[in-house]
Amino acid sequence: MHQVLCTLSHEGSDVRCVICGQGFLVYWSRFSRDEQAECRRLIQEQLRAHHIDAQDADADRRTHPRHPFNVPQWDGPSHFSAAALLGNSQSIADDLS
């Protein structure tokens, strides 16, 4: 799977957490519809993991990172990930200005 960048959003969303309903924008590039569907499934797994890692079944939207994060995870700065660069993430423009 290609890497994607997810950013928390209160306005629009490409994906929503099935546990708390928090929305996220997803930055991807040149994905087919099948690849996007698979990617959404993996993002949902990651969003569930945020709640599991919080060790609180009733954890709310604050459980998710406030900063952009990559799926699959990447240890470098999120704005330098392939997903951010290829997806033309707004966070890149914010970080570079």
N, C-alpha and C. Protein backbone atom coordinates (compact mmCIF):
# COMPACT_ATOMS: atom_id res chain seq x y z
N MET A 1 0.82 -1.18 0.00
CA MET A 1 0.00 0.00 0.00
C MET A 1 0.87 1.25 0.00
N HIS A 2 0.40 2.26 -0.67
CA HIS A 2 1.06 3.55 -0.65
C HIS A 2 0.80 4.24 0.68
N GLN A 3 1.64 5.14 1.03
CA GLN A 3 1.47 5.90 2.26
C GLN A 3 0.53 7.07 2.02
N VAL A 4 -0.29 7.39 3.02
CA VAL A 4 -1.16 8.56 2.96
C VAL A 4 -0.96 9.40 4.20
N LEU A 5 -1.31 10.66 4.10
CA LEU A 5 -1.22 11.60 5.21
C LEU A 5 -2.64 11.92 5.67
N CYS A 6 -2.90 11.81 6.95
CA CYS A 6 -4.21 12.11 7.52
C CYS A 6 -4.10 13.33 8.42
N THR A 7 -5.05 14.24 8.26
CA THR A 7 -5.08 15.42 9.12
C THR A 7 -6.47 15.55 9.72
N LEU A 8 -6.51 15.90 10.98
CA LEU A 8 -7.76 16.09 11.70
C LEU A 8 -8.54 17.24 11.06
N SER A 9 -9.84 17.07 10.93
CA SER A 9 -10.65 18.11 10.31
C SER A 9 -11.99 18.22 11.04
N HIS A 10 -12.41 19.45 11.28
CA HIS A 10 -13.71 19.69 11.90
C HIS A 10 -14.73 20.18 10.86
N GLU A 11 -14.29 20.34 9.62
CA GLU A 11 -15.18 20.88 8.59
C GLU A 11 -15.63 19.82 7.59
N GLY A 12 -14.71 19.21 6.89
CA GLY A 12 -15.03 18.16 5.93
C GLY A 12 -14.20 16.94 6.25
N SER A 13 -14.51 15.82 5.63
CA SER A 13 -13.70 14.64 5.91
C SER A 13 -13.77 13.64 4.76
N ASP A 14 -12.67 12.92 4.60
CA ASP A 14 -12.61 11.79 3.68
C ASP A 14 -12.90 10.50 4.44
N VAL A 15 -12.55 10.50 5.72
CA VAL A 15 -12.71 9.32 6.58
C VAL A 15 -13.16 9.80 7.95
N ARG A 16 -14.04 9.03 8.59
CA ARG A 16 -14.46 9.32 9.97
C ARG A 16 -14.18 8.12 10.85
N CYS A 17 -13.77 8.39 12.08
CA CYS A 17 -13.55 7.33 13.06
C CYS A 17 -14.91 6.71 13.40
N VAL A 18 -15.01 5.39 13.33
CA VAL A 18 -16.28 4.73 13.62
C VAL A 18 -16.59 4.72 15.12
N ILE A 19 -15.60 5.00 15.95
CA ILE A 19 -15.82 4.99 17.40
C ILE A 19 -16.32 6.34 17.89
N CYS A 20 -15.65 7.42 17.50
CA CYS A 20 -16.01 8.74 18.04
C CYS A 20 -16.56 9.71 17.00
N GLY A 21 -16.45 9.37 15.71
CA GLY A 21 -16.98 10.23 14.66
C GLY A 21 -16.07 11.35 14.18
N GLN A 22 -14.86 11.44 14.75
CA GLN A 22 -13.93 12.49 14.33
C GLN A 22 -13.59 12.33 12.86
N GLY A 23 -13.59 13.45 12.13
CA GLY A 23 -13.30 13.43 10.70
C GLY A 23 -11.83 13.72 10.40
N PHE A 24 -11.37 13.18 9.28
CA PHE A 24 -9.99 13.38 8.82
C PHE A 24 -9.97 13.59 7.32
N LEU A 25 -9.12 14.50 6.89
CA LEU A 25 -8.82 14.65 5.48
C LEU A 25 -7.67 13.72 5.16
N VAL A 26 -7.70 13.12 3.99
CA VAL A 26 -6.66 12.17 3.58
C VAL A 26 -5.99 12.72 2.33
N TYR A 27 -4.67 12.81 2.37
CA TYR A 27 -3.89 13.26 1.21
C TYR A 27 -3.25 12.05 0.55
N TRP A 28 -3.69 11.78 -0.65
CA TRP A 28 -3.15 10.67 -1.42
C TRP A 28 -3.02 11.13 -2.85
N SER A 29 -2.26 10.40 -3.63
CA SER A 29 -2.14 10.78 -5.02
C SER A 29 -2.13 9.54 -5.89
N ARG A 30 -2.83 9.64 -6.98
CA ARG A 30 -2.86 8.60 -8.00
C ARG A 30 -3.29 7.24 -7.46
N PHE A 31 -4.28 7.24 -6.62
CA PHE A 31 -4.83 5.99 -6.11
C PHE A 31 -6.05 5.61 -6.94
N SER A 32 -6.16 4.34 -7.28
CA SER A 32 -7.37 3.86 -7.93
C SER A 32 -8.47 3.78 -6.87
N ARG A 33 -9.69 3.59 -7.29
CA ARG A 33 -10.80 3.46 -6.33
C ARG A 33 -10.60 2.25 -5.42
N ASP A 34 -10.08 1.16 -5.97
CA ASP A 34 -9.81 -0.03 -5.15
C ASP A 34 -8.73 0.26 -4.11
N GLU A 35 -7.69 0.99 -4.52
CA GLU A 35 -6.63 1.34 -3.59
C GLU A 35 -7.15 2.28 -2.50
N GLN A 36 -8.02 3.20 -2.88
CA GLN A 36 -8.60 4.11 -1.89
C GLN A 36 -9.46 3.33 -0.88
N ALA A 37 -10.22 2.36 -1.35
CA ALA A 37 -11.06 1.56 -0.45
C ALA A 37 -10.19 0.79 0.53
N GLU A 38 -9.12 0.18 0.03
CA GLU A 38 -8.19 -0.55 0.91
C GLU A 38 -7.53 0.41 1.89
N CYS A 39 -7.16 1.57 1.41
CA CYS A 39 -6.53 2.56 2.26
C CYS A 39 -7.48 3.02 3.36
N ARG A 40 -8.73 3.25 3.03
CA ARG A 40 -9.71 3.64 4.04
C ARG A 40 -9.83 2.58 5.13
N ARG A 41 -9.79 1.32 4.73
CA ARG A 41 -9.85 0.23 5.70
C ARG A 41 -8.66 0.29 6.66
N LEU A 42 -7.47 0.53 6.12
CA LEU A 42 -6.27 0.62 6.95
C LEU A 42 -6.30 1.86 7.85
N ILE A 43 -6.83 2.96 7.34
CA ILE A 43 -6.96 4.16 8.17
C ILE A 43 -7.92 3.89 9.32
N GLN A 44 -9.03 3.21 9.04
CA GLN A 44 -9.98 2.88 10.10
C GLN A 44 -9.32 2.03 11.19
N GLU A 45 -8.46 1.09 10.78
CA GLU A 45 -7.72 0.28 11.76
C GLU A 45 -6.84 1.17 12.63
N GLN A 46 -6.17 2.12 12.01
CA GLN A 46 -5.29 3.03 12.75
C GLN A 46 -6.10 3.89 13.72
N LEU A 47 -7.26 4.37 13.28
CA LEU A 47 -8.10 5.20 14.14
C LEU A 47 -8.62 4.40 15.34
N ARG A 48 -8.97 3.13 15.11
CA ARG A 48 -9.37 2.26 16.23
C ARG A 48 -8.21 2.06 17.19
N ALA A 49 -7.01 1.91 16.63
CA ALA A 49 -5.81 1.70 17.46
C ALA A 49 -5.57 2.90 18.37
N HIS A 50 -5.88 4.10 17.92
CA HIS A 50 -5.73 5.28 18.78
C HIS A 50 -6.56 5.11 20.04
N HIS A 51 -7.76 4.61 19.91
CA HIS A 51 -8.64 4.41 21.07
C HIS A 51 -8.12 3.26 21.94
N ILE A 52 -7.64 2.20 21.33
CA ILE A 52 -7.10 1.07 22.08
C ILE A 52 -5.85 1.51 22.85
N ASP A 53 -4.99 2.26 22.19
CA ASP A 53 -3.76 2.74 22.83
C ASP A 53 -4.07 3.67 24.00
N ALA A 54 -5.19 4.38 23.92
CA ALA A 54 -5.59 5.28 25.01
C ALA A 54 -6.08 4.49 26.22
N GLN A 55 -6.33 3.19 26.03
CA GLN A 55 -6.81 2.30 27.10
C GLN A 55 -8.05 2.85 27.78
N ASP A 56 -8.93 3.43 26.98
CA ASP A 56 -10.17 3.97 27.50
C ASP A 56 -11.25 3.73 26.46
N ALA A 57 -12.13 2.80 26.76
CA ALA A 57 -13.17 2.43 25.80
C ALA A 57 -14.08 3.61 25.47
N ASP A 58 -14.19 4.56 26.38
CA ASP A 58 -15.04 5.72 26.17
C ASP A 58 -14.25 6.95 25.71
N ALA A 59 -13.03 6.73 25.27
CA ALA A 59 -12.18 7.85 24.85
C ALA A 59 -12.89 8.65 23.76
N ASP A 60 -12.73 9.94 23.80
CA ASP A 60 -13.41 10.80 22.85
C ASP A 60 -12.48 11.23 21.72
N ARG A 61 -12.89 12.23 20.99
CA ARG A 61 -12.13 12.69 19.82
C ARG A 61 -10.73 13.16 20.15
N ARG A 62 -10.49 13.55 21.39
CA ARG A 62 -9.15 14.01 21.78
C ARG A 62 -8.13 12.87 21.74
N THR A 63 -8.60 11.65 21.58
CA THR A 63 -7.72 10.48 21.51
C THR A 63 -6.82 10.54 20.28
N HIS A 64 -7.31 11.13 19.21
CA HIS A 64 -6.57 11.16 17.95
C HIS A 64 -5.52 12.27 17.96
N PRO A 65 -4.42 12.06 17.23
CA PRO A 65 -3.38 13.09 17.16
C PRO A 65 -3.92 14.40 16.60
N ARG A 66 -3.46 15.49 17.14
CA ARG A 66 -3.82 16.82 16.65
C ARG A 66 -2.94 17.22 15.47
N HIS A 67 -1.83 16.55 15.31
CA HIS A 67 -0.91 16.83 14.22
C HIS A 67 -1.12 15.80 13.10
N PRO A 68 -0.73 16.10 11.88
CA PRO A 68 -0.87 15.14 10.78
C PRO A 68 -0.11 13.85 11.10
N PHE A 69 -0.66 12.73 10.63
CA PHE A 69 0.01 11.44 10.82
C PHE A 69 -0.12 10.61 9.55
N ASN A 70 0.83 9.70 9.38
CA ASN A 70 0.88 8.87 8.18
C ASN A 70 0.34 7.48 8.44
N VAL A 71 -0.30 6.91 7.43
CA VAL A 71 -0.72 5.52 7.42
C VAL A 71 -0.17 4.93 6.14
N PRO A 72 0.63 3.86 6.19
CA PRO A 72 1.21 3.32 7.42
C PRO A 72 2.15 4.32 8.08
N GLN A 73 2.42 4.07 9.35
CA GLN A 73 3.22 5.01 10.14
C GLN A 73 4.59 5.24 9.52
N TRP A 74 5.10 6.44 9.74
CA TRP A 74 6.42 6.83 9.26
C TRP A 74 7.06 7.62 10.38
N ASP A 75 8.33 7.38 10.66
CA ASP A 75 8.98 7.98 11.81
C ASP A 75 9.52 9.39 11.57
N GLY A 76 9.60 9.82 10.32
CA GLY A 76 10.11 11.15 10.03
C GLY A 76 9.03 12.21 10.20
N PRO A 77 9.39 13.47 9.98
CA PRO A 77 8.39 14.54 10.06
C PRO A 77 7.29 14.31 9.03
N SER A 78 6.04 14.43 9.46
CA SER A 78 4.91 14.11 8.58
C SER A 78 4.90 14.96 7.31
N HIS A 79 5.34 16.22 7.40
CA HIS A 79 5.30 17.09 6.23
C HIS A 79 6.35 16.73 5.18
N PHE A 80 7.29 15.85 5.51
CA PHE A 80 8.28 15.38 4.55
C PHE A 80 8.00 13.98 4.05
N SER A 81 6.88 13.40 4.46
CA SER A 81 6.53 12.06 3.99
C SER A 81 6.16 12.11 2.51
N ALA A 82 6.28 10.99 1.85
CA ALA A 82 5.89 10.92 0.45
C ALA A 82 4.43 11.28 0.28
N ALA A 83 3.59 10.85 1.21
CA ALA A 83 2.16 11.15 1.11
C ALA A 83 1.91 12.65 1.15
N ALA A 84 2.57 13.35 2.03
CA ALA A 84 2.37 14.80 2.13
C ALA A 84 2.88 15.51 0.89
N LEU A 85 4.04 15.12 0.42
CA LEU A 85 4.62 15.78 -0.74
C LEU A 85 3.81 15.53 -2.00
N LEU A 86 3.42 14.27 -2.22
CA LEU A 86 2.67 13.93 -3.43
C LEU A 86 1.21 14.37 -3.36
N GLY A 87 0.66 14.41 -2.15
CA GLY A 87 -0.73 14.79 -1.99
C GLY A 87 -0.95 16.29 -1.87
N ASN A 88 0.14 17.06 -1.89
CA ASN A 88 0.07 18.52 -1.82
C ASN A 88 -0.65 18.98 -0.56
N SER A 89 -0.23 18.45 0.55
CA SER A 89 -0.83 18.76 1.84
C SER A 89 -0.68 20.22 2.20
N GLN A 90 -1.72 20.82 2.75
CA GLN A 90 -1.66 22.20 3.23
C GLN A 90 -0.66 22.33 4.38
N SER A 91 -0.45 21.23 5.14
CA SER A 91 0.49 21.31 6.26
C SER A 91 1.90 21.59 5.77
N ILE A 92 2.24 21.20 4.56
CA ILE A 92 3.56 21.50 4.01
C ILE A 92 3.70 23.00 3.83
N ALA A 93 2.70 23.60 3.21
CA ALA A 93 2.75 25.05 3.00
C ALA A 93 2.83 25.79 4.33
N ASP A 94 2.08 25.33 5.32
CA ASP A 94 2.10 25.97 6.64
C ASP A 94 3.47 25.83 7.29
N ASP A 95 4.07 24.63 7.18
CA ASP A 95 5.36 24.38 7.81
C ASP A 95 6.50 25.09 7.12
N LEU A 96 6.39 25.31 5.83
CA LEU A 96 7.49 25.91 5.08
C LEU A 96 7.40 27.43 5.04
N SER A 97 6.29 27.99 5.47
CA SER A 97 6.16 29.46 5.42
C SER A 97 6.61 30.10 6.72
